[in-house]
Amino acid sequence: MSIKDSIEAIEQQIYVACSDGDYDAVNMLEHQLDHLRELSNQEPEDPQSREPSNIQFQDKSK
């Protein structure tokens, strides 16, 4: 499932939660939606850049 699909699914869940009056669920889902939107804005254009062999880690021991 892509981030875009996840965003659409959460938006639908928010609609249902609002209809049911479950505002605690709405708040939780909105938080998840914000997080996914941030991830979608940071998503690299090149899918190969996300492969484990291309990920660089910082050495925090210095």
N, C-alpha and C. Protein backbone atom coordinates (compact mmCIF):
# COMPACT_ATOMS: atom_id res chain seq x y z
N MET A 1 0.85 -1.17 0.00
CA MET A 1 0.00 0.00 0.00
C MET A 1 0.90 1.24 0.00
N SER A 2 0.66 2.14 -0.92
CA SER A 2 1.47 3.35 -1.01
C SER A 2 1.03 4.36 0.05
N ILE A 3 1.86 5.37 0.24
CA ILE A 3 1.52 6.42 1.20
C ILE A 3 0.24 7.12 0.77
N LYS A 4 0.10 7.33 -0.54
CA LYS A 4 -1.11 7.99 -1.05
C LYS A 4 -2.35 7.16 -0.72
N ASP A 5 -2.27 5.85 -0.88
CA ASP A 5 -3.40 4.97 -0.55
C ASP A 5 -3.70 5.03 0.95
N SER A 6 -2.66 5.07 1.77
CA SER A 6 -2.84 5.14 3.22
C SER A 6 -3.51 6.45 3.62
N ILE A 7 -3.11 7.54 2.97
CA ILE A 7 -3.72 8.84 3.24
C ILE A 7 -5.21 8.81 2.92
N GLU A 8 -5.55 8.25 1.76
CA GLU A 8 -6.96 8.17 1.37
C GLU A 8 -7.76 7.31 2.34
N ALA A 9 -7.17 6.21 2.81
CA ALA A 9 -7.86 5.33 3.75
C ALA A 9 -8.10 6.04 5.09
N ILE A 10 -7.12 6.77 5.56
CA ILE A 10 -7.26 7.49 6.83
C ILE A 10 -8.29 8.61 6.70
N GLU A 11 -8.29 9.29 5.54
CA GLU A 11 -9.29 10.33 5.34
C GLU A 11 -10.71 9.75 5.42
N GLN A 12 -10.89 8.56 4.87
CA GLN A 12 -12.20 7.92 4.95
C GLN A 12 -12.52 7.52 6.39
N GLN A 13 -11.52 7.03 7.12
CA GLN A 13 -11.74 6.66 8.52
C GLN A 13 -12.11 7.89 9.35
N ILE A 14 -11.51 9.04 9.03
CA ILE A 14 -11.84 10.28 9.74
C ILE A 14 -13.30 10.64 9.48
N TYR A 15 -13.75 10.50 8.25
CA TYR A 15 -15.14 10.79 7.91
C TYR A 15 -16.09 9.91 8.72
N VAL A 16 -15.77 8.63 8.80
CA VAL A 16 -16.62 7.69 9.55
C VAL A 16 -16.60 8.03 11.04
N ALA A 17 -15.42 8.32 11.57
CA ALA A 17 -15.31 8.65 13.00
C ALA A 17 -16.09 9.92 13.32
N CYS A 18 -16.04 10.92 12.43
CA CYS A 18 -16.83 12.14 12.63
C CYS A 18 -18.32 11.83 12.64
N SER A 19 -18.72 11.01 11.70
CA SER A 19 -20.14 10.63 11.60
C SER A 19 -20.61 9.92 12.87
N ASP A 20 -19.72 9.14 13.47
CA ASP A 20 -20.05 8.39 14.69
C ASP A 20 -19.88 9.24 15.95
N GLY A 21 -19.31 10.43 15.81
CA GLY A 21 -19.07 11.29 16.97
C GLY A 21 -17.90 10.84 17.81
N ASP A 22 -17.00 10.06 17.24
CA ASP A 22 -15.83 9.55 17.96
C ASP A 22 -14.65 10.51 17.75
N TYR A 23 -14.66 11.60 18.52
CA TYR A 23 -13.67 12.64 18.30
C TYR A 23 -12.27 12.28 18.79
N ASP A 24 -12.17 11.33 19.72
CA ASP A 24 -10.85 10.84 20.12
C ASP A 24 -10.19 10.13 18.94
N ALA A 25 -10.98 9.33 18.23
CA ALA A 25 -10.45 8.64 17.04
C ALA A 25 -10.10 9.64 15.96
N VAL A 26 -10.92 10.68 15.81
CA VAL A 26 -10.64 11.72 14.80
C VAL A 26 -9.29 12.36 15.09
N ASN A 27 -9.04 12.72 16.34
CA ASN A 27 -7.77 13.35 16.70
C ASN A 27 -6.59 12.43 16.42
N MET A 28 -6.73 11.16 16.78
CA MET A 28 -5.66 10.20 16.54
C MET A 28 -5.40 10.04 15.03
N LEU A 29 -6.48 9.91 14.26
CA LEU A 29 -6.34 9.73 12.82
C LEU A 29 -5.77 10.97 12.15
N GLU A 30 -6.14 12.15 12.62
CA GLU A 30 -5.58 13.38 12.05
C GLU A 30 -4.08 13.45 12.31
N HIS A 31 -3.65 12.99 13.48
CA HIS A 31 -2.22 12.96 13.78
C HIS A 31 -1.50 12.02 12.81
N GLN A 32 -2.09 10.84 12.57
CA GLN A 32 -1.50 9.89 11.63
C GLN A 32 -1.48 10.47 10.22
N LEU A 33 -2.54 11.17 9.86
CA LEU A 33 -2.63 11.78 8.53
C LEU A 33 -1.55 12.84 8.34
N ASP A 34 -1.34 13.68 9.35
CA ASP A 34 -0.27 14.68 9.28
C ASP A 34 1.08 14.03 9.09
N HIS A 35 1.32 12.94 9.84
CA HIS A 35 2.60 12.24 9.73
C HIS A 35 2.79 11.66 8.32
N LEU A 36 1.75 11.06 7.77
CA LEU A 36 1.86 10.48 6.42
C LEU A 36 2.06 11.56 5.37
N ARG A 37 1.41 12.70 5.55
CA ARG A 37 1.60 13.80 4.59
C ARG A 37 3.03 14.32 4.63
N GLU A 38 3.61 14.38 5.83
CA GLU A 38 5.03 14.76 5.94
C GLU A 38 5.91 13.76 5.21
N LEU A 39 5.63 12.47 5.40
CA LEU A 39 6.41 11.44 4.71
C LEU A 39 6.26 11.54 3.20
N SER A 40 5.05 11.83 2.73
CA SER A 40 4.83 11.91 1.29
C SER A 40 5.58 13.09 0.70
N ASN A 41 5.77 14.15 1.48
CA ASN A 41 6.52 15.31 1.00
C ASN A 41 8.02 15.03 0.95
N GLN A 42 8.48 14.06 1.75
CA GLN A 42 9.90 13.72 1.81
C GLN A 42 10.25 12.53 0.94
N GLU A 43 9.25 11.92 0.33
CA GLU A 43 9.46 10.70 -0.45
C GLU A 43 10.40 10.99 -1.62
N PRO A 44 11.48 10.24 -1.74
CA PRO A 44 12.41 10.47 -2.85
C PRO A 44 11.77 10.10 -4.18
N GLU A 45 12.22 10.80 -5.22
CA GLU A 45 11.68 10.52 -6.55
C GLU A 45 12.25 9.23 -7.12
N ASP A 46 13.45 8.88 -6.72
CA ASP A 46 14.12 7.70 -7.23
C ASP A 46 13.89 6.53 -6.27
N PRO A 47 13.10 5.53 -6.65
CA PRO A 47 12.81 4.41 -5.74
C PRO A 47 14.06 3.65 -5.31
N GLN A 48 15.12 3.65 -6.12
CA GLN A 48 16.34 2.94 -5.76
C GLN A 48 17.05 3.59 -4.59
N SER A 49 16.79 4.88 -4.35
CA SER A 49 17.46 5.55 -3.24
C SER A 49 16.96 5.06 -1.89
N ARG A 50 15.86 4.31 -1.88
CA ARG A 50 15.30 3.77 -0.65
C ARG A 50 15.78 2.35 -0.37
N GLU A 51 16.56 1.78 -1.28
CA GLU A 51 17.04 0.42 -1.07
C GLU A 51 18.05 0.41 0.08
N PRO A 52 18.07 -0.65 0.87
CA PRO A 52 18.97 -0.73 2.02
C PRO A 52 20.44 -0.49 1.67
N SER A 53 20.87 -0.90 0.51
CA SER A 53 22.27 -0.73 0.14
C SER A 53 22.62 0.73 -0.10
N ASN A 54 21.62 1.58 -0.31
CA ASN A 54 21.86 3.00 -0.59
C ASN A 54 21.66 3.89 0.62
N ILE A 55 21.25 3.33 1.75
CA ILE A 55 21.01 4.12 2.95
C ILE A 55 22.32 4.34 3.68
N GLN A 56 22.56 5.61 4.04
CA GLN A 56 23.78 5.95 4.76
C GLN A 56 23.41 6.30 6.20
N PHE A 57 24.18 5.77 7.14
CA PHE A 57 23.94 6.03 8.56
C PHE A 57 25.02 6.96 9.08
N GLN A 58 24.62 7.82 10.02
CA GLN A 58 25.56 8.72 10.67
C GLN A 58 26.18 8.03 11.87
N ASP A 59 27.46 8.25 12.06
CA ASP A 59 28.16 7.70 13.22
C ASP A 59 28.00 8.70 14.37
N LYS A 60 27.21 8.35 15.37
CA LYS A 60 26.93 9.25 16.49
C LYS A 60 27.94 9.11 17.62
N SER A 61 28.94 8.27 17.44
CA SER A 61 29.92 8.07 18.51
C SER A 61 30.97 9.17 18.54
N LYS A 62 31.00 10.02 17.57
CA LYS A 62 32.01 11.10 17.52
C LYS A 62 31.60 12.28 18.33
